PDB file of N, CA and C in Angstrom:
ATOM      1  N   MET A   1     -65.784 -66.935  71.998  1.00  0.00           N
ATOM      2  CA  MET A   1     -64.789 -65.958  71.659  1.00  0.00           C
ATOM      3  C   MET A   1     -65.414 -64.631  71.263  1.00  0.00           C
ATOM      4  N   GLY A   2     -66.721 -64.560  71.076  1.00  0.00           N
ATOM      5  CA  GLY A   2     -67.384 -63.358  70.588  1.00  0.00           C
ATOM      6  C   GLY A   2     -67.384 -62.218  71.595  1.00  0.00           C
ATOM      7  N   SER A   3     -67.863 -62.446  72.845  1.00  0.00           N
ATOM      8  CA  SER A   3     -67.995 -61.353  73.805  1.00  0.00           C
ATOM      9  C   SER A   3     -66.680 -61.025  74.494  1.00  0.00           C
ATOM     10  N   LYS A   4     -65.773 -61.979  74.682  1.00  0.00           N
ATOM     11  CA  LYS A   4     -64.498 -61.714  75.344  1.00  0.00           C
ATOM     12  C   LYS A   4     -63.582 -60.847  74.482  1.00  0.00           C
ATOM     13  N   SER A   5     -63.608 -60.984  73.200  1.00  0.00           N
ATOM     14  CA  SER A   5     -62.726 -60.199  72.345  1.00  0.00           C
ATOM     15  C   SER A   5     -63.192 -58.739  72.256  1.00  0.00           C
ATOM     16  N   LYS A   6     -64.489 -58.495  72.454  1.00  0.00           N
ATOM     17  CA  LYS A   6     -64.991 -57.118  72.425  1.00  0.00           C
ATOM     18  C   LYS A   6     -64.484 -56.307  73.621  1.00  0.00           C
ATOM     19  N   TRP A   7     -64.353 -56.906  74.770  1.00  0.00           N
ATOM     20  CA  TRP A   7     -63.982 -56.202  75.989  1.00  0.00           C
ATOM     21  C   TRP A   7     -62.514 -56.382  76.358  1.00  0.00           C
ATOM     22  N   ARG A   8     -61.747 -56.968  75.502  1.00  0.00           N
ATOM     23  CA  ARG A   8     -60.340 -57.233  75.799  1.00  0.00           C
ATOM     24  C   ARG A   8     -59.532 -55.939  75.944  1.00  0.00           C
ATOM     25  N   TRP A   9     -59.888 -54.920  75.211  1.00  0.00           N
ATOM     26  CA  TRP A   9     -59.156 -53.664  75.260  1.00  0.00           C
ATOM     27  C   TRP A   9     -59.252 -52.987  76.624  1.00  0.00           C
ATOM     28  N   LEU A  10     -60.269 -53.327  77.446  1.00  0.00           N
ATOM     29  CA  LEU A  10     -60.391 -52.756  78.786  1.00  0.00           C
ATOM     30  C   LEU A  10     -59.294 -53.244  79.728  1.00  0.00           C
ATOM     31  N   ARG A  11     -58.685 -54.365  79.400  1.00  0.00           N
ATOM     32  CA  ARG A  11     -57.623 -54.897  80.253  1.00  0.00           C
ATOM     33  C   ARG A  11     -56.251 -54.421  79.807  1.00  0.00           C
ATOM     34  N   SER A  12     -56.198 -53.504  78.871  1.00  0.00           N
ATOM     35  CA  SER A  12     -54.931 -53.022  78.345  1.00  0.00           C
ATOM     36  C   SER A  12     -54.265 -52.083  79.346  1.00  0.00           C
ATOM     37  N   PHE A  13     -53.004 -52.362  79.636  1.00  0.00           N
ATOM     38  CA  PHE A  13     -52.214 -51.533  80.539  1.00  0.00           C
ATOM     39  C   PHE A  13     -52.058 -50.122  79.975  1.00  0.00           C
ATOM     40  N   TYR A  14     -51.848 -49.985  78.693  1.00  0.00           N
ATOM     41  CA  TYR A  14     -51.627 -48.688  78.055  1.00  0.00           C
ATOM     42  C   TYR A  14     -52.884 -47.826  78.069  1.00  0.00           C
ATOM     43  N   LEU A  15     -54.028 -48.447  77.962  1.00  0.00           N
ATOM     44  CA  LEU A  15     -55.286 -47.704  78.036  1.00  0.00           C
ATOM     45  C   LEU A  15     -55.428 -47.038  79.398  1.00  0.00           C
ATOM     46  N   TRP A  16     -55.203 -47.783  80.470  1.00  0.00           N
ATOM     47  CA  TRP A  16     -55.374 -47.232  81.813  1.00  0.00           C
ATOM     48  C   TRP A  16     -54.307 -46.193  82.140  1.00  0.00           C
ATOM     49  N   ILE A  17     -53.099 -46.373  81.656  1.00  0.00           N
ATOM     50  CA  ILE A  17     -52.061 -45.354  81.847  1.00  0.00           C
ATOM     51  C   ILE A  17     -52.460 -44.068  81.120  1.00  0.00           C
ATOM     52  N   THR A  18     -52.992 -44.208  79.909  1.00  0.00           N
ATOM     53  CA  THR A  18     -53.435 -43.033  79.145  1.00  0.00           C
ATOM     54  C   THR A  18     -54.600 -42.332  79.839  1.00  0.00           C
ATOM     55  N   VAL A  19     -55.559 -43.102  80.348  1.00  0.00           N
ATOM     56  CA  VAL A  19     -56.708 -42.519  81.050  1.00  0.00           C
ATOM     57  C   VAL A  19     -56.241 -41.784  82.304  1.00  0.00           C
ATOM     58  N   LEU A  20     -55.342 -42.387  83.063  1.00  0.00           N
ATOM     59  CA  LEU A  20     -54.819 -41.726  84.268  1.00  0.00           C
ATOM     60  C   LEU A  20     -54.031 -40.474  83.921  1.00  0.00           C
ATOM     61  N   ALA A  21     -53.239 -40.514  82.857  1.00  0.00           N
ATOM     62  CA  ALA A  21     -52.465 -39.342  82.461  1.00  0.00           C
ATOM     63  C   ALA A  21     -53.381 -38.193  82.037  1.00  0.00           C
ATOM     64  N   VAL A  22     -54.415 -38.512  81.264  1.00  0.00           N
ATOM     65  CA  VAL A  22     -55.359 -37.470  80.835  1.00  0.00           C
ATOM     66  C   VAL A  22     -56.100 -36.895  82.038  1.00  0.00           C
ATOM     67  N   ALA A  23     -56.506 -37.745  82.977  1.00  0.00           N
ATOM     68  CA  ALA A  23     -57.185 -37.262  84.183  1.00  0.00           C
ATOM     69  C   ALA A  23     -56.254 -36.382  85.002  1.00  0.00           C
ATOM     70  N   TRP A  24     -55.003 -36.787  85.116  1.00  0.00           N
ATOM     71  CA  TRP A  24     -54.036 -35.996  85.888  1.00  0.00           C
ATOM     72  C   TRP A  24     -53.817 -34.636  85.237  1.00  0.00           C
ATOM     73  N   ILE A  25     -53.560 -34.643  83.927  1.00  0.00           N
ATOM     74  CA  ILE A  25     -53.297 -33.386  83.223  1.00  0.00           C
ATOM     75  C   ILE A  25     -54.551 -32.518  83.165  1.00  0.00           C
ATOM     76  N   GLY A  26     -55.696 -33.134  83.029  1.00  0.00           N
ATOM     77  CA  GLY A  26     -56.929 -32.374  82.879  1.00  0.00           C
ATOM     78  C   GLY A  26     -57.466 -31.769  84.153  1.00  0.00           C
ATOM     79  N   PHE A  27     -57.311 -32.473  85.289  1.00  0.00           N
ATOM     80  CA  PHE A  27     -58.000 -32.011  86.491  1.00  0.00           C
ATOM     81  C   PHE A  27     -57.155 -31.949  87.747  1.00  0.00           C
ATOM     82  N   LEU A  28     -56.155 -32.800  87.913  1.00  0.00           N
ATOM     83  CA  LEU A  28     -55.476 -32.913  89.202  1.00  0.00           C
ATOM     84  C   LEU A  28     -54.183 -32.125  89.301  1.00  0.00           C
ATOM     85  N   ASP A  29     -53.531 -31.849  88.211  1.00  0.00           N
ATOM     86  CA  ASP A  29     -52.249 -31.169  88.218  1.00  0.00           C
ATOM     87  C   ASP A  29     -52.420 -29.700  88.601  1.00  0.00           C
ATOM     88  N   THR A  30     -51.356 -29.090  89.101  1.00  0.00           N
ATOM     89  CA  THR A  30     -51.393 -27.676  89.460  1.00  0.00           C
ATOM     90  C   THR A  30     -51.682 -26.816  88.238  1.00  0.00           C
ATOM     91  N   TYR A  31     -51.142 -27.186  87.111  1.00  0.00           N
ATOM     92  CA  TYR A  31     -51.350 -26.450  85.868  1.00  0.00           C
ATOM     93  C   TYR A  31     -52.281 -27.230  84.934  1.00  0.00           C
ATOM     94  N   SER A  32     -53.367 -27.727  85.468  1.00  0.00           N
ATOM     95  CA  SER A  32     -54.301 -28.561  84.706  1.00  0.00           C
ATOM     96  C   SER A  32     -55.052 -27.722  83.677  1.00  0.00           C
ATOM     97  N   TRP A  33     -55.714 -28.409  82.768  1.00  0.00           N
ATOM     98  CA  TRP A  33     -56.507 -27.714  81.761  1.00  0.00           C
ATOM     99  C   TRP A  33     -57.611 -26.898  82.419  1.00  0.00           C
ATOM    100  N   TRP A  34     -58.193 -27.433  83.456  1.00  0.00           N
ATOM    101  CA  TRP A  34     -59.258 -26.719  84.169  1.00  0.00           C
ATOM    102  C   TRP A  34     -58.717 -25.437  84.801  1.00  0.00           C
ATOM    103  N   GLN A  35     -57.563 -25.532  85.433  1.00  0.00           N
ATOM    104  CA  GLN A  35     -56.947 -24.360  86.049  1.00  0.00           C
ATOM    105  C   GLN A  35     -56.556 -23.336  84.979  1.00  0.00           C
ATOM    106  N   GLN A  36     -56.047 -23.800  83.861  1.00  0.00           N
ATOM    107  CA  GLN A  36     -55.687 -22.898  82.770  1.00  0.00           C
ATOM    108  C   GLN A  36     -56.923 -22.173  82.230  1.00  0.00           C
ATOM    109  N   TYR A  37     -58.044 -22.868  82.141  1.00  0.00           N
ATOM    110  CA  TYR A  37     -59.287 -22.236  81.703  1.00  0.00           C
ATOM    111  C   TYR A  37     -59.716 -21.157  82.690  1.00  0.00           C
ATOM    112  N   ARG A  38     -59.659 -21.464  83.973  1.00  0.00           N
ATOM    113  CA  ARG A  38     -60.047 -20.479  84.993  1.00  0.00           C
ATOM    114  C   ARG A  38     -59.131 -19.270  84.966  1.00  0.00           C
ATOM    115  N   LEU A  39     -57.827 -19.511  84.798  1.00  0.00           N
ATOM    116  CA  LEU A  39     -56.876 -18.406  84.747  1.00  0.00           C
ATOM    117  C   LEU A  39     -57.064 -17.546  83.497  1.00  0.00           C
ATOM    118  N   SER A  40     -57.366 -18.170  82.368  1.00  0.00           N
ATOM    119  CA  SER A  40     -57.591 -17.389  81.151  1.00  0.00           C
ATOM    120  C   SER A  40     -58.862 -16.556  81.268  1.00  0.00           C
ATOM    121  N   ASP A  41     -59.891 -17.084  81.935  1.00  0.00           N
ATOM    122  CA  ASP A  41     -61.109 -16.323  82.164  1.00  0.00           C
ATOM    123  C   ASP A  41     -60.832 -15.139  83.092  1.00  0.00           C
ATOM    124  N   GLN A  42     -60.049 -15.367  84.120  1.00  0.00           N
ATOM    125  CA  GLN A  42     -59.685 -14.284  85.037  1.00  0.00           C
ATOM    126  C   GLN A  42     -58.850 -13.224  84.312  1.00  0.00           C
ATOM    127  N   LEU A  43     -57.951 -13.647  83.444  1.00  0.00           N
ATOM    128  CA  LEU A  43     -57.138 -12.714  82.665  1.00  0.00           C
ATOM    129  C   LEU A  43     -58.014 -11.870  81.745  1.00  0.00           C
ATOM    130  N   ARG A  44     -59.022 -12.479  81.128  1.00  0.00           N
ATOM    131  CA  ARG A  44     -59.937 -11.745  80.266  1.00  0.00           C
ATOM    132  C   ARG A  44     -60.686 -10.677  81.057  1.00  0.00           C
ATOM    133  N   GLN A  45     -61.145 -11.027  82.262  1.00  0.00           N
ATOM    134  CA  GLN A  45     -61.849 -10.055  83.101  1.00  0.00           C
ATOM    135  C   GLN A  45     -60.924  -8.919  83.523  1.00  0.00           C
ATOM    136  N   MET A  46     -59.695  -9.245  83.840  1.00  0.00           N
ATOM    137  CA  MET A  46     -58.756  -8.212  84.265  1.00  0.00           C
ATOM    138  C   MET A  46     -58.378  -7.288  83.107  1.00  0.00           C
ATOM    139  N   LYS A  47     -58.298  -7.815  81.889  1.00  0.00           N
ATOM    140  CA  LYS A  47     -58.039  -6.958  80.729  1.00  0.00           C
ATOM    141  C   LYS A  47     -59.206  -6.018  80.488  1.00  0.00           C
ATOM    142  N   ALA A  48     -60.425  -6.494  80.697  1.00  0.00           N
ATOM    143  CA  ALA A  48     -61.600  -5.630  80.557  1.00  0.00           C
ATOM    144  C   ALA A  48     -61.565  -4.522  81.609  1.00  0.00           C
ATOM    145  N   GLN A  49     -61.175  -4.857  82.838  1.00  0.00           N
ATOM    146  CA  GLN A  49     -61.043  -3.839  83.879  1.00  0.00           C
ATOM    147  C   GLN A  49     -59.956  -2.836  83.530  1.00  0.00           C
ATOM    148  N   LEU A  50     -58.849  -3.312  82.984  1.00  0.00           N
ATOM    149  CA  LEU A  50     -57.764  -2.425  82.595  1.00  0.00           C
ATOM    150  C   LEU A  50     -58.229  -1.445  81.528  1.00  0.00           C
ATOM    151  N   ASP A  51     -58.966  -1.924  80.537  1.00  0.00           N
ATOM    152  CA  ASP A  51     -59.502  -1.029  79.511  1.00  0.00           C
ATOM    153  C   ASP A  51     -60.425   0.018  80.122  1.00  0.00           C
ATOM    154  N   PHE A  52     -61.284  -0.412  81.052  1.00  0.00           N
ATOM    155  CA  PHE A  52     -62.197   0.528  81.713  1.00  0.00           C
ATOM    156  C   PHE A  52     -61.416   1.595  82.472  1.00  0.00           C
ATOM    157  N   TYR A  53     -60.415   1.183  83.244  1.00  0.00           N
ATOM    158  CA  TYR A  53     -59.655   2.145  84.034  1.00  0.00           C
ATOM    159  C   TYR A  53     -58.814   3.068  83.163  1.00  0.00           C
ATOM    160  N   GLU A  54     -58.316   2.576  82.032  1.00  0.00           N
ATOM    161  CA  GLU A  54     -57.583   3.455  81.119  1.00  0.00           C
ATOM    162  C   GLU A  54     -58.513   4.520  80.533  1.00  0.00           C
ATOM    163  N   GLN A  55     -59.742   4.137  80.209  1.00  0.00           N
ATOM    164  CA  GLN A  55     -60.710   5.112  79.710  1.00  0.00           C
ATOM    165  C   GLN A  55     -61.069   6.130  80.786  1.00  0.00           C
ATOM    166  N   GLU A  56     -61.233   5.654  82.028  1.00  0.00           N
ATOM    167  CA  GLU A  56     -61.530   6.571  83.132  1.00  0.00           C
ATOM    168  C   GLU A  56     -60.381   7.537  83.382  1.00  0.00           C
ATOM    169  N   ILE A  57     -59.150   7.049  83.314  1.00  0.00           N
ATOM    170  CA  ILE A  57     -57.990   7.925  83.493  1.00  0.00           C
ATOM    171  C   ILE A  57     -57.963   8.985  82.410  1.00  0.00           C
ATOM    172  N   GLN A  58     -58.245   8.583  81.174  1.00  0.00           N
ATOM    173  CA  GLN A  58     -58.284   9.542  80.065  1.00  0.00           C
ATOM    174  C   GLN A  58     -59.361  10.593  80.291  1.00  0.00           C
ATOM    175  N   ARG A  59     -60.552  10.148  80.704  1.00  0.00           N
ATOM    176  CA  ARG A  59     -61.654  11.080  80.942  1.00  0.00           C
ATOM    177  C   ARG A  59     -61.333  12.044  82.074  1.00  0.00           C
ATOM    178  N   LEU A  60     -60.757  11.516  83.159  1.00  0.00           N
ATOM    179  CA  LEU A  60     -60.428  12.369  84.298  1.00  0.00           C
ATOM    180  C   LEU A  60     -59.287  13.320  83.980  1.00  0.00           C
ATOM    181  N   SER A  61     -58.357  12.905  83.137  1.00  0.00           N
ATOM    182  CA  SER A  61     -57.274  13.801  82.722  1.00  0.00           C
ATOM    183  C   SER A  61     -57.825  14.966  81.911  1.00  0.00           C
ATOM    184  N   GLU A  62     -58.777  14.663  81.018  1.00  0.00           N
ATOM    185  CA  GLU A  62     -59.398  15.733  80.243  1.00  0.00           C
ATOM    186  C   GLU A  62     -60.189  16.666  81.151  1.00  0.00           C
ATOM    187  N   GLU A  63     -60.878  16.097  82.138  1.00  0.00           N
ATOM    188  CA  GLU A  63     -61.636  16.927  83.080  1.00  0.00           C
ATOM    189  C   GLU A  63     -60.698  17.787  83.916  1.00  0.00           C
ATOM    190  N   GLU A  64     -59.572  17.219  84.326  1.00  0.00           N
ATOM    191  CA  GLU A  64     -58.591  17.985  85.100  1.00  0.00           C
ATOM    192  C   GLU A  64     -58.043  19.149  84.270  1.00  0.00           C
ATOM    193  N   GLU A  65     -57.731  18.883  83.013  1.00  0.00           N
ATOM    194  CA  GLU A  65     -57.215  19.944  82.145  1.00  0.00           C
ATOM    195  C   GLU A  65     -58.250  21.041  81.966  1.00  0.00           C
ATOM    196  N   ALA A  66     -59.528  20.646  81.823  1.00  0.00           N
ATOM    197  CA  ALA A  66     -60.589  21.640  81.686  1.00  0.00           C
ATOM    198  C   ALA A  66     -60.735  22.457  82.966  1.00  0.00           C
ATOM    199  N   LEU A  67     -60.599  21.820  84.109  1.00  0.00           N
ATOM    200  CA  LEU A  67     -60.701  22.550  85.378  1.00  0.00           C
ATOM    201  C   LEU A  67     -59.541  23.528  85.562  1.00  0.00           C
ATOM    202  N   ARG A  68     -58.397  23.198  85.026  1.00  0.00           N
ATOM    203  CA  ARG A  68     -57.239  24.088  85.165  1.00  0.00           C
ATOM    204  C   ARG A  68     -57.309  25.284  84.217  1.00  0.00           C
ATOM    205  N   THR A  69     -57.947  25.117  83.055  1.00  0.00           N
ATOM    206  CA  THR A  69     -57.851  26.163  82.034  1.00  0.00           C
ATOM    207  C   THR A  69     -59.156  26.881  81.736  1.00  0.00           C
ATOM    208  N   ASP A  70     -60.305  26.251  81.833  1.00  0.00           N
ATOM    209  CA  ASP A  70     -61.577  26.838  81.411  1.00  0.00           C
ATOM    210  C   ASP A  70     -62.287  27.499  82.589  1.00  0.00           C
ATOM    211  N   PRO A  71     -62.436  28.815  82.557  1.00  0.00           N
ATOM    212  CA  PRO A  71     -63.097  29.497  83.688  1.00  0.00           C
ATOM    213  C   PRO A  71     -64.572  29.106  83.850  1.00  0.00           C
ATOM    214  N   TYR A  72     -65.243  28.802  82.746  1.00  0.00           N
ATOM    215  CA  TYR A  72     -66.649  28.393  82.842  1.00  0.00           C
ATOM    216  C   TYR A  72     -66.769  27.077  83.613  1.00  0.00           C
ATOM    217  N   ILE A  73     -65.919  26.115  83.324  1.00  0.00           N
ATOM    218  CA  ILE A  73     -65.941  24.825  84.019  1.00  0.00           C
ATOM    219  C   ILE A  73     -65.555  25.018  85.490  1.00  0.00           C
ATOM    220  N   GLN A  74     -64.616  25.911  85.756  1.00  0.00           N
ATOM    221  CA  GLN A  74     -64.227  26.183  87.147  1.00  0.00           C
ATOM    222  C   GLN A  74     -65.412  26.735  87.934  1.00  0.00           C
ATOM    223  N   GLU A  75     -66.112  27.692  87.337  1.00  0.00           N
ATOM    224  CA  GLU A  75     -67.268  28.266  88.015  1.00  0.00           C
ATOM    225  C   GLU A  75     -68.375  27.230  88.207  1.00  0.00           C
ATOM    226  N   TYR A  76     -68.584  26.394  87.190  1.00  0.00           N
ATOM    227  CA  TYR A  76     -69.606  25.350  87.278  1.00  0.00           C
ATOM    228  C   TYR A  76     -69.317  24.418  88.457  1.00  0.00           C
ATOM    229  N   HIS A  77     -68.089  23.939  88.570  1.00  0.00           N
ATOM    230  CA  HIS A  77     -67.748  23.028  89.675  1.00  0.00           C
ATOM    231  C   HIS A  77     -67.792  23.726  91.022  1.00  0.00           C
ATOM    232  N   ALA A  78     -67.351  24.962  91.077  1.00  0.00           N
ATOM    233  CA  ALA A  78     -67.380  25.692  92.347  1.00  0.00           C
ATOM    234  C   ALA A  78     -68.821  25.874  92.822  1.00  0.00           C
ATOM    235  N   ARG A  79     -69.713  26.216  91.908  1.00  0.00           N
ATOM    236  CA  ARG A  79     -71.107  26.410  92.295  1.00  0.00           C
ATOM    237  C   ARG A  79     -71.788  25.082  92.636  1.00  0.00           C
ATOM    238  N   ARG A  80     -71.505  24.048  91.857  1.00  0.00           N
ATOM    239  CA  ARG A  80     -72.213  22.782  92.044  1.00  0.00           C
ATOM    240  C   ARG A  80     -71.744  22.008  93.266  1.00  0.00           C
ATOM    241  N   TYR A  81     -70.441  21.922  93.449  1.00  0.00           N
ATOM    242  CA  TYR A  81     -69.927  21.045  94.502  1.00  0.00           C
ATOM    243  C   TYR A  81     -69.545  21.776  95.787  1.00  0.00           C
ATOM    244  N   TYR A  82     -69.239  23.080  95.693  1.00  0.00           N
ATOM    245  CA  TYR A  82     -68.778  23.799  96.889  1.00  0.00           C
ATOM    246  C   TYR A  82     -69.699  24.943  97.284  1.00  0.00           C
ATOM    247  N   TRP A  83     -70.814  25.101  96.584  1.00  0.00           N
ATOM    248  CA  TRP A  83     -71.835  26.090  96.881  1.00  0.00           C
ATOM    249  C   TRP A  83     -71.262  27.506  96.939  1.00  0.00           C
ATOM    250  N   VAL A  84     -70.372  27.799  96.038  1.00  0.00           N
ATOM    251  CA  VAL A  84     -69.788  29.137  95.959  1.00  0.00           C
ATOM    252  C   VAL A  84     -70.793  30.045  95.272  1.00  0.00           C
ATOM    253  N   LYS A  85     -70.870  31.288  95.736  1.00  0.00           N
ATOM    254  CA  LYS A  85     -71.785  32.241  95.125  1.00  0.00           C
ATOM    255  C   LYS A  85     -71.057  33.554  94.905  1.00  0.00           C
ATOM    256  N   ARG A  86     -71.594  34.319  93.996  1.00  0.00           N
ATOM    257  CA  ARG A  86     -71.038  35.651  93.732  1.00  0.00           C
ATOM    258  C   ARG A  86     -71.557  36.615  94.796  1.00  0.00           C
ATOM    259  N   PRO A  87     -70.830  37.686  95.013  1.00  0.00           N
ATOM    260  CA  PRO A  87     -71.328  38.685  95.979  1.00  0.00           C
ATOM    261  C   PRO A  87     -72.672  39.239  95.511  1.00  0.00           C
ATOM    262  N   GLY A  88     -73.613  39.273  96.426  1.00  0.00           N
ATOM    263  CA  GLY A  88     -74.927  39.798  96.127  1.00  0.00           C
ATOM    264  C   GLY A  88     -75.924  38.735  95.692  1.00  0.00           C
ATOM    265  N   GLU A  89     -75.492  37.527  95.431  1.00  0.00           N
ATOM    266  CA  GLU A  89     -76.410  36.464  95.046  1.00  0.00           C
ATOM    267  C   GLU A  89     -76.939  35.777  96.301  1.00  0.00           C
ATOM    268  N   LYS A  90     -78.120  35.235  96.169  1.00  0.00           N
ATOM    269  CA  LYS A  90     -78.671  34.439  97.258  1.00  0.00           C
ATOM    270  C   LYS A  90     -78.547  32.976  96.861  1.00  0.00           C
ATOM    271  N   LEU A  91     -78.184  32.166  97.827  1.00  0.00           N
ATOM    272  CA  LEU A  91     -78.005  30.748  97.584  1.00  0.00           C
ATOM    273  C   LEU A  91     -79.166  30.002  98.228  1.00  0.00           C
ATOM    274  N   PHE A  92     -79.897  29.250  97.439  1.00  0.00           N
ATOM    275  CA  PHE A  92     -81.012  28.464  97.941  1.00  0.00           C
ATOM    276  C   PHE A  92     -80.602  26.997  97.937  1.00  0.00           C
ATOM    277  N   LEU A  93     -80.674  26.376  99.098  1.00  0.00           N
ATOM    278  CA  LEU A  93     -80.373  24.956  99.223  1.00  0.00           C
ATOM    279  C   LEU A  93     -81.686  24.211  99.398  1.00  0.00           C
ATOM    280  N   LEU A  94     -81.959  23.335  98.475  1.00  0.00           N
ATOM    281  CA  LEU A  94     -83.195  22.557  98.530  1.00  0.00           C
ATOM    282  C   LEU A  94     -82.868  21.160  99.022  1.00  0.00           C
ATOM    283  N   ARG A  95     -83.700  20.688  99.941  1.00  0.00           N
ATOM    284  CA  ARG A  95     -83.472  19.375 100.514  1.00  0.00           C
ATOM    285  C   ARG A  95     -84.689  18.510 100.222  1.00  0.00           C
ATOM    286  N   ARG A  96     -84.426  17.294  99.753  1.00  0.00           N
ATOM    287  CA  ARG A  96     -85.517  16.358  99.515  1.00  0.00           C
ATOM    288  C   ARG A  96     -85.944  15.735 100.836  1.00  0.00           C
ATOM    289  N   GLN A  97     -87.246  15.602 100.984  1.00  0.00           N
ATOM    290  CA  GLN A  97     -87.755  14.955 102.186  1.00  0.00           C
ATOM    291  C   GLN A  97     -88.222  13.563 101.809  1.00  0.00           C
ATOM    292  N   SER A  98     -87.966  12.631 102.704  1.00  0.00           N
ATOM    293  CA  SER A  98     -88.457  11.282 102.432  1.00  0.00           C
ATOM    294  C   SER A  98     -89.962  11.242 102.640  1.00  0.00           C
ATOM    295  N   GLU A  99     -90.579  10.206 102.169  1.00  0.00           N
ATOM    296  CA  GLU A  99     -92.032  10.092 102.270  1.00  0.00           C
ATOM    297  C   GLU A  99     -92.486   9.958 103.722  1.00  0.00           C
ATOM    298  N   LYS A 100     -91.620   9.452 104.591  1.00  0.00           N
ATOM    299  CA  LYS A 100     -91.997   9.246 105.988  1.00  0.00           C
ATOM    300  C   LYS A 100     -91.986  10.561 106.772  1.00  0.00           C
ATOM    301  N   GLU A 101     -91.126  11.491 106.351  1.00  0.00           N
ATOM    302  CA  GLU A 101     -91.040  12.748 107.072  1.00  0.00           C
ATOM    303  C   GLU A 101     -92.255  13.621 106.738  1.00  0.00           C
ATOM    304  N   GLY A 102     -92.738  14.288 107.719  1.00  0.00           N
ATOM    305  CA  GLY A 102     -93.818  15.239 107.478  1.00  0.00           C
ATOM    306  C   GLY A 102     -93.231  16.593 107.130  1.00  0.00           C
ATOM    307  N   VAL A 103     -94.040  17.473 106.616  1.00  0.00           N
ATOM    308  CA  VAL A 103     -93.595  18.802 106.298  1.00  0.00           C
ATOM    309  C   VAL A 103     -93.528  19.589 107.594  1.00  0.00           C
ATOM    310  N   GLN A 104     -92.356  20.126 107.874  1.00  0.00           N
ATOM    311  CA  GLN A 104     -92.157  20.886 109.112  1.00  0.00           C
ATOM    312  C   GLN A 104     -91.959  22.351 108.745  1.00  0.00           C
ATOM    313  N   PRO A 105     -92.595  23.228 109.461  1.00  0.00           N
ATOM    314  CA  PRO A 105     -92.407  24.662 109.148  1.00  0.00           C
ATOM    315  C   PRO A 105     -90.988  25.098 109.481  1.00  0.00           C
ATOM    316  N   HIS A 106     -90.495  26.005 108.694  1.00  0.00           N
ATOM    317  CA  HIS A 106     -89.144  26.533 108.907  1.00  0.00           C
ATOM    318  C   HIS A 106     -89.206  27.625 109.958  1.00  0.00           C
ATOM    319  N   PRO A 107     -88.354  27.593 110.976  1.00  0.00           N
ATOM    320  CA  PRO A 107     -88.432  28.601 112.058  1.00  0.00           C
ATOM    321  C   PRO A 107     -87.966  29.963 111.624  1.00  0.00           C
TER     322      PRO A 107
END
């Protein structure tokens, strides 16, 4: 009677129903614990992206306002991105050469 009574609980109908229910809820169901964990992780990543994009929108809005109102910022962007120059100024465009290119004389 010693060894049979130790393993008797393995033949319990309720034990196997409980094990199957936990396995179903934990891994096999559409809304399983595993799926809920993956979805919560995805939600956390998307909230981080939302925070980043809200900060970028704020920064770009401030930059837009500065471009509309500040003449110094307007001139800076015009010179830097559109190569605008004042009358009488000379504009020098410098180009980086890769290491493979040789130095070629300018015609």
